[in-house]
Amino acid sequence: MNKMKTVNETLAELREHYHLTGTGRQPKQLNTSDFDGPVIFSNDPIIATVPPAFFTVQTIQELKELGGVPDSEYGPGGMEPHHPLPEPYSAERLANVTGNHADICKAFRAYIYGYSPLVKDYEDILNAKRFPMKIALYSGEDIVITASNPLIIKSKESHGEPVGINFNKITIQPGGRIISFTNCRIQANEIIIVDTWHKNNNNSNFVDIGGNGGNGGSGNNGSNGKDGSNGNPGKDNKYSCAMEATSGTAGSSGTDGASGSDGEKGEDAGDVNITTGIIKGFVKLWTQGGNGGSGGDGGNGGNGGNGGNGGGSTRECRAGYGGSGGNGGNGGAGGNAGAGGNGGNIYFTYVKEEDADFKAYVLGGEGGNGGNGGIGGVGGVGGSGYSSGNTGKNGTPGSAGTAGKAGAVGTIYVNGKKQ
């Protein structure tokens, strides 16, 4: 294991070489119970409860050195590489992509937290597309996290921008939680877990989770068909029918319901790298992908219009025929559900433990529920007359959307050992 820096050594390095500014606006002593609701640490000052400080890194190599997992932790006697890898590098294929392209994001995480030689071909494009990068940092002497006021760590646009947390001492009170929705580096000289609850409860202290996917919207209902027009009555001569009564016209069909839209995929959980000189207490680590969104329900089919009545009978003329009812519209298909996001990776590294124990929970996000198919519209009633019109056919119900697949589980390592 590499020699672990102290919090003050890290802060001194950031000030000297990476233009760290803004720490003076952050309280040295912070207790989350002093705030209303959760305390949010973010690179977005608009949503952050405490203003972020920032430092700037010029290359991905620098970022791995500052907050990533060293390559030396991988290999014989260490961790096996476990990050999803991007497609093989192609300058032509990636020339015009943004920094948030799927392969760029995969390479970014695999480089910072994984065994970087596996994505070395991506170094230049990562530096061109993602750097220089401003990193949010929160620092102080002591932070206390309480049950009613968890610490939430978020990035601005859910693209995995890392957030750094550096405190001399982190104390997590019973039921307190640090919940990260992005890649995160947590460094402390000492972490104390004050947990009087039973060790088998599932209330984790450190939670690494992806955001849930949005639900699909419901499809619009179809429009009802218009009723047919009534026929005109016949006209008599003195002893015969001069003009037959006309038939009622058919009702028009209802239109089909629109399909529900698909639910969104749950977000993959990020990577959380935690280092501390001393750990005390029972540490419960949880990583889970976000749940997939449910598919939207299909719209109902419109009802068919009623057929018009046949023209009325007279003394010499019979009534006209009734018009047929319009068919009901078909129900729209339900939207497919989004898949659950994949669990992330938590790396917990310590130098010394004092009556510490660890428990790990790794879960993929749950897939969403498929949307219900819409109900078919009711066929219109045939008009009355000498012979009544036919009733329209009912529309068929829409098919249900498919359920989303569960996400893959993540991994948790304590001092390089998979839990």
Protein backbone atom coordinates (compact mmCIF):
# COMPACT_ATOMS: atom_id res chain seq x y z
CA MET A 1 0.00 0.00 0.00
CA ASN A 2 1.29 3.48 -0.87
CA LYS A 3 2.07 5.87 1.98
CA MET A 4 -1.12 7.71 2.84
CA LYS A 5 -1.02 11.50 2.88
CA THR A 6 -2.55 13.45 5.72
CA VAL A 7 -5.38 15.89 5.04
CA ASN A 8 -3.08 18.87 5.62
CA GLU A 9 -0.49 17.48 3.20
CA THR A 10 -3.15 17.11 0.53
CA LEU A 11 -4.47 20.64 1.07
CA ALA A 12 -0.95 22.09 0.96
CA GLU A 13 -0.29 20.32 -2.33
CA LEU A 14 -3.56 21.57 -3.82
CA ARG A 15 -2.80 25.15 -2.80
CA GLU A 16 0.74 25.07 -4.12
CA HIS A 17 0.25 23.27 -7.42
CA TYR A 18 -3.47 23.27 -8.30
CA HIS A 19 -4.69 26.79 -7.49
CA LEU A 20 -7.05 25.79 -4.67
CA THR A 21 -9.33 28.72 -3.80
CA GLY A 22 -12.48 29.23 -1.75
CA THR A 23 -11.76 27.16 1.36
CA GLY A 24 -12.04 30.28 3.52
CA ARG A 25 -15.79 30.37 2.89
CA GLN A 26 -16.26 26.90 4.35
CA PRO A 27 -16.82 26.31 8.09
CA LYS A 28 -14.03 24.49 9.91
CA GLN A 29 -16.56 22.78 12.19
CA LEU A 30 -19.71 21.46 10.56
CA ASN A 31 -22.63 19.56 12.07
CA THR A 32 -25.34 18.59 9.60
CA SER A 33 -28.01 18.95 12.31
CA ASP A 34 -27.43 22.72 12.18
CA PHE A 35 -29.18 22.77 8.79
CA ASP A 36 -32.76 22.18 7.68
CA GLY A 37 -32.81 18.92 5.77
CA PRO A 38 -29.92 17.18 4.01
CA VAL A 39 -26.59 18.94 3.55
CA ILE A 40 -25.52 18.93 -0.10
CA PHE A 41 -21.88 19.05 -1.24
CA SER A 42 -21.76 19.69 -4.99
CA ASN A 43 -19.73 21.31 -7.75
CA ASP A 44 -22.89 23.28 -8.51
CA PRO A 45 -23.00 26.32 -6.18
CA ILE A 46 -26.73 26.72 -6.86
CA ILE A 47 -27.71 23.46 -5.15
CA ALA A 48 -24.82 23.26 -2.67
CA THR A 49 -25.66 23.91 0.98
CA VAL A 50 -22.07 25.02 1.64
CA PRO A 51 -20.17 26.93 -1.07
CA PRO A 52 -17.63 24.70 -2.83
CA ALA A 53 -13.94 25.48 -3.10
CA PHE A 54 -12.29 24.63 -6.40
CA PHE A 55 -8.93 23.49 -7.71
CA THR A 56 -7.90 22.83 -11.30
CA VAL A 57 -6.20 19.77 -12.75
CA GLN A 58 -4.72 19.86 -16.24
CA THR A 59 -4.59 16.16 -17.11
CA ILE A 60 -6.19 12.86 -16.26
CA GLN A 61 -2.81 11.66 -15.03
CA GLU A 62 -2.88 14.38 -12.37
CA LEU A 63 -6.43 13.54 -11.36
CA LYS A 64 -5.61 9.86 -10.89
CA GLU A 65 -2.63 10.81 -8.74
CA LEU A 66 -4.74 13.13 -6.58
CA GLY A 67 -7.94 11.18 -6.09
CA GLY A 68 -7.88 7.90 -7.95
CA VAL A 69 -6.94 4.34 -7.11
CA PRO A 70 -3.21 3.69 -7.71
CA ASP A 71 -2.36 1.21 -10.44
CA SER A 72 -0.17 -0.56 -7.88
CA GLU A 73 -3.35 -1.75 -6.12
CA TYR A 74 -4.04 -3.98 -9.13
CA GLY A 75 -2.27 -7.13 -10.23
CA PRO A 76 -0.83 -10.15 -8.39
CA GLY A 77 -1.90 -10.09 -4.76
CA GLY A 78 -4.16 -7.09 -5.38
CA MET A 79 -7.43 -6.31 -7.06
CA GLU A 80 -8.48 -7.70 -10.41
CA PRO A 81 -9.46 -5.02 -12.96
CA HIS A 82 -13.24 -4.75 -12.83
CA HIS A 83 -14.36 -1.63 -14.69
CA PRO A 84 -16.35 -1.87 -17.94
CA LEU A 85 -14.04 -0.90 -20.79
CA PRO A 86 -14.89 1.27 -23.79
CA GLU A 87 -14.76 0.10 -27.37
CA PRO A 88 -11.21 -0.05 -28.80
CA TYR A 89 -9.89 3.44 -29.39
CA SER A 90 -10.43 4.91 -32.85
CA ALA A 91 -9.43 8.52 -33.53
CA GLU A 92 -11.70 8.65 -36.56
CA ARG A 93 -14.74 7.28 -34.72
CA LEU A 94 -14.33 9.62 -31.77
CA ALA A 95 -13.14 12.76 -33.55
CA ASN A 96 -16.36 14.72 -33.15
CA VAL A 97 -17.86 13.27 -29.97
CA THR A 98 -18.42 15.28 -26.80
CA GLY A 99 -16.64 14.72 -23.53
CA ASN A 100 -19.73 12.91 -22.24
CA HIS A 101 -19.79 10.25 -24.95
CA ALA A 102 -20.34 6.78 -23.47
CA ASP A 103 -16.85 5.53 -24.38
CA ILE A 104 -15.21 8.67 -23.00
CA CYS A 105 -17.11 8.25 -19.72
CA LYS A 106 -16.15 4.57 -19.46
CA ALA A 107 -12.51 5.35 -20.17
CA PHE A 108 -12.56 8.18 -17.61
CA ARG A 109 -13.73 5.93 -14.77
CA ALA A 110 -11.54 3.00 -15.78
CA TYR A 111 -8.48 5.27 -15.87
CA ILE A 112 -9.10 7.07 -12.56
CA TYR A 113 -10.29 4.16 -10.44
CA GLY A 114 -9.14 1.13 -12.40
CA TYR A 115 -5.92 -0.17 -13.95
CA SER A 116 -5.11 2.73 -16.26
CA PRO A 117 -2.88 0.86 -18.77
CA LEU A 118 -6.04 -0.87 -20.03
CA VAL A 119 -7.29 2.46 -21.42
CA LYS A 120 -3.95 4.17 -22.07
CA ASP A 121 -4.96 4.68 -25.73
CA TYR A 122 -7.64 7.07 -24.44
CA GLU A 123 -5.24 9.36 -22.53
CA ASP A 124 -4.90 12.00 -25.23
CA ILE A 125 -8.58 12.24 -26.09
CA LEU A 126 -9.53 12.32 -22.39
CA ASN A 127 -7.16 15.21 -21.84
CA ALA A 128 -8.50 16.99 -24.92
CA LYS A 129 -12.21 16.45 -24.19
CA ARG A 130 -12.40 16.63 -20.37
CA PHE A 131 -9.48 18.78 -19.24
CA PRO A 132 -8.55 21.15 -17.73
CA MET A 133 -11.13 20.24 -15.09
CA LYS A 134 -12.31 22.23 -12.08
CA ILE A 135 -12.84 19.96 -9.09
CA ALA A 136 -15.07 20.92 -6.17
CA LEU A 137 -13.54 20.43 -2.74
CA TYR A 138 -15.00 20.57 0.77
CA SER A 139 -12.58 20.72 3.69
CA GLY A 140 -12.44 21.50 7.39
CA GLU A 141 -11.41 20.23 10.79
CA ASP A 142 -14.47 18.24 11.86
CA ILE A 143 -17.77 17.21 10.32
CA VAL A 144 -20.56 15.40 12.18
CA ILE A 145 -23.33 13.67 10.19
CA THR A 146 -26.62 12.95 11.93
CA ALA A 147 -29.52 10.63 11.10
CA SER A 148 -32.01 13.35 10.24
CA ASN A 149 -29.57 15.32 8.10
CA PRO A 150 -27.57 13.08 5.75
CA LEU A 151 -24.67 14.38 3.71
CA ILE A 152 -25.51 14.24 -0.02
CA ILE A 153 -22.77 14.43 -2.66
CA LYS A 154 -23.87 15.39 -6.19
CA SER A 155 -22.43 16.61 -9.47
CA LYS A 156 -23.99 19.32 -11.58
CA GLU A 157 -25.19 17.35 -14.59
CA SER A 158 -24.83 13.73 -13.47
CA HIS A 159 -21.83 13.18 -15.74
CA GLY A 160 -19.68 11.82 -12.92
CA GLU A 161 -17.61 14.92 -12.21
CA PRO A 162 -15.73 14.02 -9.02
CA VAL A 163 -16.20 15.89 -5.75
CA GLY A 164 -13.49 15.91 -3.08
CA ILE A 165 -14.04 15.86 0.70
CA ASN A 166 -11.10 16.43 3.07
CA PHE A 167 -11.68 16.62 6.83
CA ASN A 168 -9.42 15.95 9.76
CA LYS A 169 -12.19 13.97 11.47
CA ILE A 170 -15.48 12.60 10.16
CA THR A 171 -18.00 11.44 12.77
CA ILE A 172 -21.13 9.58 11.69
CA GLN A 173 -23.79 9.46 14.40
CA PRO A 174 -26.23 6.51 14.68
CA GLY A 175 -28.32 6.44 11.51
CA GLY A 176 -26.16 9.06 9.80
CA ARG A 177 -25.30 8.53 6.15
CA ILE A 178 -22.99 9.88 3.48
CA ILE A 179 -24.82 9.36 0.18
CA SER A 180 -22.92 9.89 -3.06
CA PHE A 181 -24.60 10.26 -6.47
CA THR A 182 -21.32 10.88 -8.30
CA ASN A 183 -17.67 9.89 -8.33
CA CYS A 184 -16.20 11.00 -5.03
CA ARG A 185 -12.95 11.14 -3.07
CA ILE A 186 -13.28 11.19 0.73
CA GLN A 187 -10.13 11.70 2.78
CA ALA A 188 -9.90 11.94 6.57
CA ASN A 189 -7.26 11.48 9.21
CA GLU A 190 -9.89 9.76 11.35
CA ILE A 191 -13.37 8.35 10.73
CA ILE A 192 -15.56 7.45 13.69
CA ILE A 193 -18.80 5.49 13.30
CA VAL A 194 -21.01 5.89 16.37
CA ASP A 195 -23.53 3.09 15.86
CA THR A 196 -25.50 1.69 18.78
CA TRP A 197 -27.89 -0.17 16.47
CA HIS A 198 -27.77 -3.88 15.88
CA LYS A 199 -25.05 -4.84 13.44
CA ASN A 200 -27.44 -6.72 11.20
CA ASN A 201 -29.54 -3.69 10.29
CA ASN A 202 -29.23 -2.36 6.76
CA ASN A 203 -28.71 1.30 7.61
CA SER A 204 -25.42 1.88 5.80
CA ASN A 205 -23.04 4.70 6.70
CA PHE A 206 -21.60 5.12 3.20
CA VAL A 207 -24.01 4.84 0.28
CA ASP A 208 -22.96 4.98 -3.37
CA ILE A 209 -26.06 5.11 -5.55
CA GLY A 210 -27.21 6.01 -9.04
CA GLY A 211 -30.17 8.26 -9.73
CA ASN A 212 -33.47 6.66 -10.69
CA GLY A 213 -34.60 6.79 -14.29
CA GLY A 214 -37.62 8.89 -15.13
CA ASN A 215 -40.97 7.24 -15.80
CA GLY A 216 -42.33 7.26 -19.31
CA GLY A 217 -45.28 9.47 -20.12
CA SER A 218 -48.72 8.01 -20.78
CA GLY A 219 -49.97 7.95 -24.33
CA ASN A 220 -52.85 10.22 -25.30
CA ASN A 221 -56.30 8.70 -25.59
CA GLY A 222 -57.77 8.31 -29.03
CA SER A 223 -60.58 10.58 -30.19
CA ASN A 224 -64.15 9.34 -30.32
CA GLY A 225 -65.67 8.85 -33.72
CA LYS A 226 -68.45 11.17 -34.91
CA ASP A 227 -72.03 9.96 -34.98
CA GLY A 228 -73.60 9.34 -38.34
CA SER A 229 -76.32 11.61 -39.71
CA ASN A 230 -79.95 10.57 -39.67
CA GLY A 231 -81.67 9.79 -42.97
CA ASN A 232 -84.53 11.83 -44.44
CA PRO A 233 -88.10 10.50 -44.31
CA GLY A 234 -89.79 9.28 -47.48
CA LYS A 235 -92.36 11.24 -49.49
CA ASP A 236 -95.78 9.87 -50.50
CA ASN A 237 -97.84 10.21 -53.63
CA LYS A 238 -101.57 9.88 -53.28
CA TYR A 239 -101.44 6.10 -53.52
CA SER A 240 -97.71 5.19 -53.53
CA CYS A 241 -94.27 6.11 -52.22
CA ALA A 242 -92.82 8.85 -54.38
CA MET A 243 -89.38 8.96 -52.69
CA GLU A 244 -87.89 6.29 -50.42
CA ALA A 245 -86.56 7.29 -47.01
CA THR A 246 -82.79 7.59 -46.99
CA SER A 247 -80.52 5.50 -44.79
CA GLY A 248 -78.64 6.88 -41.83
CA THR A 249 -74.90 7.28 -42.42
CA ALA A 250 -72.33 5.19 -40.60
CA GLY A 251 -70.58 6.49 -37.51
CA SER A 252 -66.87 7.07 -37.96
CA SER A 253 -64.31 4.92 -36.18
CA GLY A 254 -62.56 6.04 -33.02
CA THR A 255 -58.85 6.70 -33.40
CA ASP A 256 -56.20 4.53 -31.78
CA GLY A 257 -54.65 5.46 -28.45
CA ALA A 258 -51.02 6.53 -28.58
CA SER A 259 -48.30 4.30 -27.19
CA GLY A 260 -46.81 5.11 -23.79
CA SER A 261 -43.22 6.28 -23.88
CA ASP A 262 -40.42 4.14 -22.52
CA GLY A 263 -39.02 4.56 -19.02
CA GLU A 264 -35.46 5.79 -18.69
CA LYS A 265 -32.56 3.59 -17.63
CA GLY A 266 -31.45 4.01 -14.04
CA GLU A 267 -28.11 5.74 -13.65
CA ASP A 268 -25.04 3.68 -12.86
CA ALA A 269 -23.62 4.36 -9.42
CA GLY A 270 -20.26 6.11 -9.39
CA ASP A 271 -16.96 5.23 -7.75
CA VAL A 272 -16.26 6.33 -4.18
CA ASN A 273 -12.65 6.29 -2.96
CA ILE A 274 -12.38 6.60 0.84
CA THR A 275 -9.04 6.83 2.67
CA THR A 276 -8.41 7.37 6.37
CA GLY A 277 -5.56 7.02 8.81
CA ILE A 278 -7.76 5.62 11.59
CA ILE A 279 -11.18 3.95 11.42
CA LYS A 280 -13.32 3.25 14.48
CA GLY A 281 -16.68 1.50 14.60
CA PHE A 282 -18.86 -0.65 12.40
CA VAL A 283 -18.60 0.45 8.77
CA LYS A 284 -21.49 -0.45 6.47
CA LEU A 285 -20.88 0.19 2.78
CA TRP A 286 -23.67 0.08 0.18
CA THR A 287 -23.54 0.51 -3.58
CA GLN A 288 -26.58 0.25 -5.82
CA GLY A 289 -27.51 1.38 -9.30
CA GLY A 290 -30.52 3.59 -9.81
CA ASN A 291 -33.87 1.97 -10.49
CA GLY A 292 -35.20 2.00 -14.02
CA GLY A 293 -38.21 4.15 -14.80
CA SER A 294 -41.57 2.52 -15.47
CA GLY A 295 -43.01 2.62 -18.95
CA GLY A 296 -45.93 4.92 -19.59
CA ASP A 297 -49.42 3.47 -20.00
CA GLY A 298 -50.86 3.31 -23.49
CA GLY A 299 -53.73 5.62 -24.31
CA ASN A 300 -57.25 4.23 -24.57
CA GLY A 301 -58.79 3.86 -27.98
CA GLY A 302 -61.58 6.25 -28.87
CA ASN A 303 -65.15 4.96 -29.00
CA GLY A 304 -66.78 4.50 -32.36
CA GLY A 305 -69.50 6.92 -33.37
CA ASN A 306 -73.11 5.73 -33.40
CA GLY A 307 -74.77 5.08 -36.71
CA GLY A 308 -77.41 7.53 -37.87
CA ASN A 309 -81.05 6.47 -37.77
CA GLY A 310 -82.81 5.71 -41.02
CA GLY A 311 -85.31 8.25 -42.29
CA GLY A 312 -88.77 7.86 -40.83
CA SER A 313 -91.54 5.86 -42.49
CA THR A 314 -94.64 7.41 -43.98
CA ARG A 315 -98.04 6.03 -44.91
CA GLU A 316 -96.68 4.68 -48.22
CA CYS A 317 -92.89 4.59 -47.62
CA ARG A 318 -90.99 2.35 -45.29
CA ALA A 319 -88.29 3.67 -42.98
CA GLY A 320 -84.70 3.96 -44.17
CA TYR A 321 -81.94 1.63 -43.04
CA GLY A 322 -79.98 2.48 -39.90
CA GLY A 323 -76.32 3.35 -40.36
CA SER A 324 -73.65 1.10 -38.90
CA GLY A 325 -71.74 2.10 -35.78
CA GLY A 326 -68.08 3.00 -36.13
CA ASN A 327 -65.38 0.70 -34.85
CA GLY A 328 -63.64 1.48 -31.58
CA GLY A 329 -60.01 2.53 -31.78
CA ASN A 330 -57.30 0.20 -30.59
CA GLY A 331 -55.58 0.81 -27.26
CA GLY A 332 -52.02 2.08 -27.39
CA ALA A 333 -49.15 -0.15 -26.37
CA GLY A 334 -47.59 0.36 -22.95
CA GLY A 335 -44.07 1.76 -22.90
CA ASN A 336 -41.16 -0.49 -22.10
CA ALA A 337 -39.52 -0.04 -18.71
CA GLY A 338 -35.99 1.22 -18.24
CA ALA A 339 -33.28 -1.14 -17.07
CA GLY A 340 -31.78 -0.71 -13.64
CA GLY A 341 -28.43 1.01 -13.39
CA ASN A 342 -25.30 -0.90 -12.48
CA GLY A 343 -23.88 -0.74 -8.99
CA GLY A 344 -20.69 1.25 -8.51
CA ASN A 345 -17.42 0.60 -6.73
CA ILE A 346 -16.37 1.61 -3.23
CA TYR A 347 -12.72 1.55 -2.19
CA PHE A 348 -12.16 1.90 1.56
CA THR A 349 -8.51 2.13 2.59
CA TYR A 350 -7.23 2.65 6.12
CA VAL A 351 -3.90 2.51 7.97
CA LYS A 352 -5.11 1.60 11.46
CA GLU A 353 -8.37 0.23 12.81
CA GLU A 354 -9.65 0.49 16.37
CA ASP A 355 -12.43 -2.00 17.03
CA ALA A 356 -13.60 -1.66 13.43
CA ASP A 357 -15.74 -4.07 11.46
CA PHE A 358 -17.07 -3.95 7.91
CA LYS A 359 -20.17 -5.10 6.08
CA ALA A 360 -20.78 -4.66 2.35
CA TYR A 361 -24.00 -4.53 0.31
CA VAL A 362 -23.80 -4.65 -3.49
CA LEU A 363 -26.97 -4.33 -5.57
CA GLY A 364 -27.93 -3.54 -9.11
CA GLY A 365 -30.78 -1.14 -9.68
CA GLU A 366 -34.22 -2.67 -10.11
CA GLY A 367 -35.75 -2.64 -13.55
CA GLY A 368 -38.92 -0.60 -13.96
CA ASN A 369 -42.41 -1.95 -14.62
CA GLY A 370 -43.73 -2.04 -18.15
CA GLY A 371 -46.62 0.27 -18.92
CA ASN A 372 -50.15 -1.08 -19.18
CA GLY A 373 -51.71 -1.31 -22.59
CA GLY A 374 -54.60 1.02 -23.31
CA ILE A 375 -58.20 -0.19 -23.37
CA GLY A 376 -59.80 -0.64 -26.77
CA GLY A 377 -62.60 1.74 -27.65
CA VAL A 378 -66.22 0.57 -27.67
CA GLY A 379 -67.84 0.14 -31.06
CA GLY A 380 -70.66 2.52 -31.87
CA VAL A 381 -74.32 1.43 -31.79
CA GLY A 382 -76.02 0.88 -35.11
CA GLY A 383 -78.78 3.32 -36.02
CA SER A 384 -82.43 2.24 -35.95
CA GLY A 385 -84.53 1.94 -39.07
CA TYR A 386 -86.29 -0.56 -41.31
CA SER A 387 -83.22 -2.64 -40.56
CA SER A 388 -80.92 -1.53 -37.78
CA GLY A 389 -77.30 -0.84 -38.59
CA ASN A 390 -74.55 -3.12 -37.40
CA THR A 391 -72.79 -2.37 -34.13
CA GLY A 392 -69.16 -1.38 -34.61
CA LYS A 393 -66.38 -3.67 -33.49
CA ASN A 394 -64.64 -2.98 -30.22
CA GLY A 395 -61.00 -1.96 -30.48
CA THR A 396 -58.31 -4.35 -29.29
CA PRO A 397 -56.43 -3.56 -26.09
CA GLY A 398 -52.83 -2.45 -26.39
CA SER A 399 -49.99 -4.75 -25.44
CA ALA A 400 -48.22 -4.22 -22.13
CA GLY A 401 -44.67 -2.91 -22.13
CA THR A 402 -41.80 -5.18 -21.12
CA ALA A 403 -40.26 -4.95 -17.66
CA GLY A 404 -36.74 -3.55 -17.35
CA LYS A 405 -33.77 -5.75 -16.54
CA ALA A 406 -32.00 -5.40 -13.23
CA GLY A 407 -28.60 -3.73 -13.27
CA ALA A 408 -25.36 -5.54 -12.53
CA VAL A 409 -24.01 -5.48 -8.99
CA GLY A 410 -20.98 -3.38 -8.10
CA THR A 411 -17.95 -4.18 -5.97
CA ILE A 412 -16.63 -3.07 -2.59
CA TYR A 413 -12.99 -3.34 -1.53
CA VAL A 414 -11.50 -2.78 1.91
CA ASN A 415 -7.71 -2.38 1.81
CA GLY A 416 -7.76 -4.02 -1.61
CA LYS A 417 -9.75 -7.07 -0.51
CA LYS A 418 -13.08 -7.72 -2.18
CA GLN A 419 -15.89 -7.93 0.36
